[in-house]
Amino acid sequence: MMNNEMMRQLQARMAKLQEELASQTVEASAGGGAVSVTISEIGMGPAQARVQRVKIAPEAVDPEDIETLEDLVVAAVNEALSKAQKIAAEKVAPLTGGMKLPGMP
């Protein structure tokens, strides 16, 4: 059982970890780099990140095929979010001893 001092230390480490994650950015791309997305302000729960930038290569824009571009944007955002969640989980693991926290991958 954790005593008050151990709980305070864990809370302090978690707060520091949250600060570290919030300052990190992650980039992912789709379509061979045609669309890239940068995620920032990573949090420790699901969907706790912010899309900072979406870059679309001019050659990816085809007015006759908007669906492909939409799919590439979705794929790039999902990949970036997945990377952000993985980073958060890797940082939290040493503090939790591998124990899963609610909302963490």
C-alpha atoms as a PDB file:
ATOM      1  CA  MET A   1       0.000   0.000   0.000  1.00  0.00           C
ATOM      2  CA  MET A   2       1.264   3.476  -0.842  1.00  0.00           C
ATOM      3  CA  ASN A   3       1.857   5.983   1.899  1.00  0.00           C
ATOM      4  CA  ASN A   4       1.275   9.721   1.479  1.00  0.00           C
ATOM      5  CA  GLU A   5       4.919  10.474   0.642  1.00  0.00           C
ATOM      6  CA  MET A   6       5.036   7.806  -2.065  1.00  0.00           C
ATOM      7  CA  MET A   7       1.784   9.142  -3.504  1.00  0.00           C
ATOM      8  CA  ARG A   8       3.155  12.716  -3.585  1.00  0.00           C
ATOM      9  CA  GLN A   9       6.331  11.512  -5.326  1.00  0.00           C
ATOM     10  CA  LEU A  10       4.297   9.620  -7.916  1.00  0.00           C
ATOM     11  CA  GLN A  11       2.083  12.651  -8.503  1.00  0.00           C
ATOM     12  CA  ALA A  12       5.172  14.859  -8.931  1.00  0.00           C
ATOM     13  CA  ARG A  13       6.688  12.420 -11.434  1.00  0.00           C
ATOM     14  CA  MET A  14       3.400  12.221 -13.358  1.00  0.00           C
ATOM     15  CA  ALA A  15       3.172  16.031 -13.483  1.00  0.00           C
ATOM     16  CA  LYS A  16       6.742  16.235 -14.826  1.00  0.00           C
ATOM     17  CA  LEU A  17       5.935  13.538 -17.373  1.00  0.00           C
ATOM     18  CA  GLN A  18       2.857  15.451 -18.523  1.00  0.00           C
ATOM     19  CA  GLU A  19       5.006  18.569 -19.031  1.00  0.00           C
ATOM     20  CA  GLU A  20       7.559  16.589 -21.049  1.00  0.00           C
ATOM     21  CA  LEU A  21       4.868  15.053 -23.255  1.00  0.00           C
ATOM     22  CA  ALA A  22       3.179  18.411 -23.814  1.00  0.00           C
ATOM     23  CA  SER A  23       6.428  19.814 -25.215  1.00  0.00           C
ATOM     24  CA  GLN A  24       6.981  16.979 -27.718  1.00  0.00           C
ATOM     25  CA  THR A  25       5.881  16.865 -31.340  1.00  0.00           C
ATOM     26  CA  VAL A  26       5.314  13.859 -33.591  1.00  0.00           C
ATOM     27  CA  GLU A  27       5.149  13.810 -37.376  1.00  0.00           C
ATOM     28  CA  ALA A  28       3.610  11.181 -39.618  1.00  0.00           C
ATOM     29  CA  SER A  29       2.920  10.997 -43.330  1.00  0.00           C
ATOM     30  CA  ALA A  30       0.818   9.090 -45.825  1.00  0.00           C
ATOM     31  CA  GLY A  31       0.943   8.530 -49.536  1.00  0.00           C
ATOM     32  CA  GLY A  32       4.718   8.428 -49.665  1.00  0.00           C
ATOM     33  CA  GLY A  33       4.948  11.864 -48.045  1.00  0.00           C
ATOM     34  CA  ALA A  34       2.185  13.481 -50.102  1.00  0.00           C
ATOM     35  CA  VAL A  35       0.426  14.405 -46.857  1.00  0.00           C
ATOM     36  CA  SER A  36       2.173  14.944 -43.541  1.00  0.00           C
ATOM     37  CA  VAL A  37       0.746  15.819 -40.153  1.00  0.00           C
ATOM     38  CA  THR A  38       2.460  17.193 -37.065  1.00  0.00           C
ATOM     39  CA  ILE A  39       0.939  16.523 -33.644  1.00  0.00           C
ATOM     40  CA  SER A  40       1.877  18.498 -30.526  1.00  0.00           C
ATOM     41  CA  GLU A  41       0.744  18.914 -26.929  1.00  0.00           C
ATOM     42  CA  ILE A  42       0.638  15.166 -26.350  1.00  0.00           C
ATOM     43  CA  GLY A  43      -1.380  14.117 -23.318  1.00  0.00           C
ATOM     44  CA  MET A  44      -1.604  10.856 -21.442  1.00  0.00           C
ATOM     45  CA  GLY A  45      -5.091   9.793 -22.473  1.00  0.00           C
ATOM     46  CA  PRO A  46      -6.746   8.902 -25.742  1.00  0.00           C
ATOM     47  CA  ALA A  47      -7.106  11.737 -28.224  1.00  0.00           C
ATOM     48  CA  GLN A  48      -5.079  14.071 -26.047  1.00  0.00           C
ATOM     49  CA  ALA A  49      -2.968  15.760 -28.640  1.00  0.00           C
ATOM     50  CA  ARG A  50      -3.309  18.697 -30.976  1.00  0.00           C
ATOM     51  CA  VAL A  51      -2.880  18.746 -34.743  1.00  0.00           C
ATOM     52  CA  GLN A  52      -0.276  21.437 -35.191  1.00  0.00           C
ATOM     53  CA  ARG A  53       0.196  21.308 -38.963  1.00  0.00           C
ATOM     54  CA  VAL A  54      -1.040  19.527 -42.066  1.00  0.00           C
ATOM     55  CA  LYS A  55       1.183  19.708 -45.157  1.00  0.00           C
ATOM     56  CA  ILE A  56      -0.115  18.636 -48.553  1.00  0.00           C
ATOM     57  CA  ALA A  57       2.224  18.294 -51.512  1.00  0.00           C
ATOM     58  CA  PRO A  58       0.859  20.113 -54.594  1.00  0.00           C
ATOM     59  CA  GLU A  59       0.979  16.909 -56.641  1.00  0.00           C
ATOM     60  CA  ALA A  60      -1.411  15.275 -54.130  1.00  0.00           C
ATOM     61  CA  VAL A  61      -4.176  17.707 -55.090  1.00  0.00           C
ATOM     62  CA  ASP A  62      -6.280  16.335 -57.916  1.00  0.00           C
ATOM     63  CA  PRO A  63      -9.640  18.122 -58.295  1.00  0.00           C
ATOM     64  CA  GLU A  64     -10.975  14.957 -59.939  1.00  0.00           C
ATOM     65  CA  ASP A  65     -10.010  12.749 -56.974  1.00  0.00           C
ATOM     66  CA  ILE A  66     -10.674  14.555 -53.703  1.00  0.00           C
ATOM     67  CA  GLU A  67     -11.493  11.253 -51.950  1.00  0.00           C
ATOM     68  CA  THR A  68      -7.905  10.039 -52.177  1.00  0.00           C
ATOM     69  CA  LEU A  69      -6.620  13.261 -50.639  1.00  0.00           C
ATOM     70  CA  GLU A  70      -9.188  13.002 -47.841  1.00  0.00           C
ATOM     71  CA  ASP A  71      -8.112   9.409 -47.177  1.00  0.00           C
ATOM     72  CA  LEU A  72      -4.447  10.442 -47.059  1.00  0.00           C
ATOM     73  CA  VAL A  73      -5.183  13.200 -44.526  1.00  0.00           C
ATOM     74  CA  VAL A  74      -7.129  10.779 -42.307  1.00  0.00           C
ATOM     75  CA  ALA A  75      -4.363   8.169 -42.560  1.00  0.00           C
ATOM     76  CA  ALA A  76      -1.641  10.692 -41.682  1.00  0.00           C
ATOM     77  CA  VAL A  77      -3.596  12.077 -38.704  1.00  0.00           C
ATOM     78  CA  ASN A  78      -4.337   8.595 -37.371  1.00  0.00           C
ATOM     79  CA  GLU A  79      -0.694   7.531 -37.743  1.00  0.00           C
ATOM     80  CA  ALA A  80       0.500  10.664 -35.925  1.00  0.00           C
ATOM     81  CA  LEU A  81      -2.009  10.102 -33.103  1.00  0.00           C
ATOM     82  CA  SER A  82      -0.900   6.484 -32.838  1.00  0.00           C
ATOM     83  CA  LYS A  83       2.735   7.572 -32.541  1.00  0.00           C
ATOM     84  CA  ALA A  84       1.810  10.159 -29.895  1.00  0.00           C
ATOM     85  CA  GLN A  85      -0.058   7.543 -27.843  1.00  0.00           C
ATOM     86  CA  LYS A  86       2.876   5.149 -28.114  1.00  0.00           C
ATOM     87  CA  ILE A  87       5.286   7.816 -26.841  1.00  0.00           C
ATOM     88  CA  ALA A  88       2.980   8.568 -23.914  1.00  0.00           C
ATOM     89  CA  ALA A  89       2.646   4.876 -23.042  1.00  0.00           C
ATOM     90  CA  GLU A  90       6.433   4.376 -23.196  1.00  0.00           C
ATOM     91  CA  LYS A  91       7.010   7.323 -20.859  1.00  0.00           C
ATOM     92  CA  VAL A  92       4.362   6.202 -18.365  1.00  0.00           C
ATOM     93  CA  ALA A  93       5.440   2.532 -18.227  1.00  0.00           C
ATOM     94  CA  PRO A  94       8.438   3.060 -15.905  1.00  0.00           C
ATOM     95  CA  LEU A  95       6.237   4.912 -13.403  1.00  0.00           C
ATOM     96  CA  THR A  96       3.441   2.375 -13.414  1.00  0.00           C
ATOM     97  CA  GLY A  97       5.591  -0.736 -13.481  1.00  0.00           C
ATOM     98  CA  GLY A  98       3.824  -1.881 -16.646  1.00  0.00           C
ATOM     99  CA  MET A  99       0.401  -1.578 -15.037  1.00  0.00           C
ATOM    100  CA  LYS A 100      -2.167  -0.281 -17.542  1.00  0.00           C
ATOM    101  CA  LEU A 101      -3.772   3.054 -16.719  1.00  0.00           C
ATOM    102  CA  PRO A 102      -7.317   3.816 -17.875  1.00  0.00           C
ATOM    103  CA  GLY A 103      -7.245   5.555 -21.238  1.00  0.00           C
ATOM    104  CA  MET A 104      -3.674   4.562 -22.079  1.00  0.00           C
ATOM    105  CA  PRO A 105      -2.841   2.233 -24.968  1.00  0.00           C
END
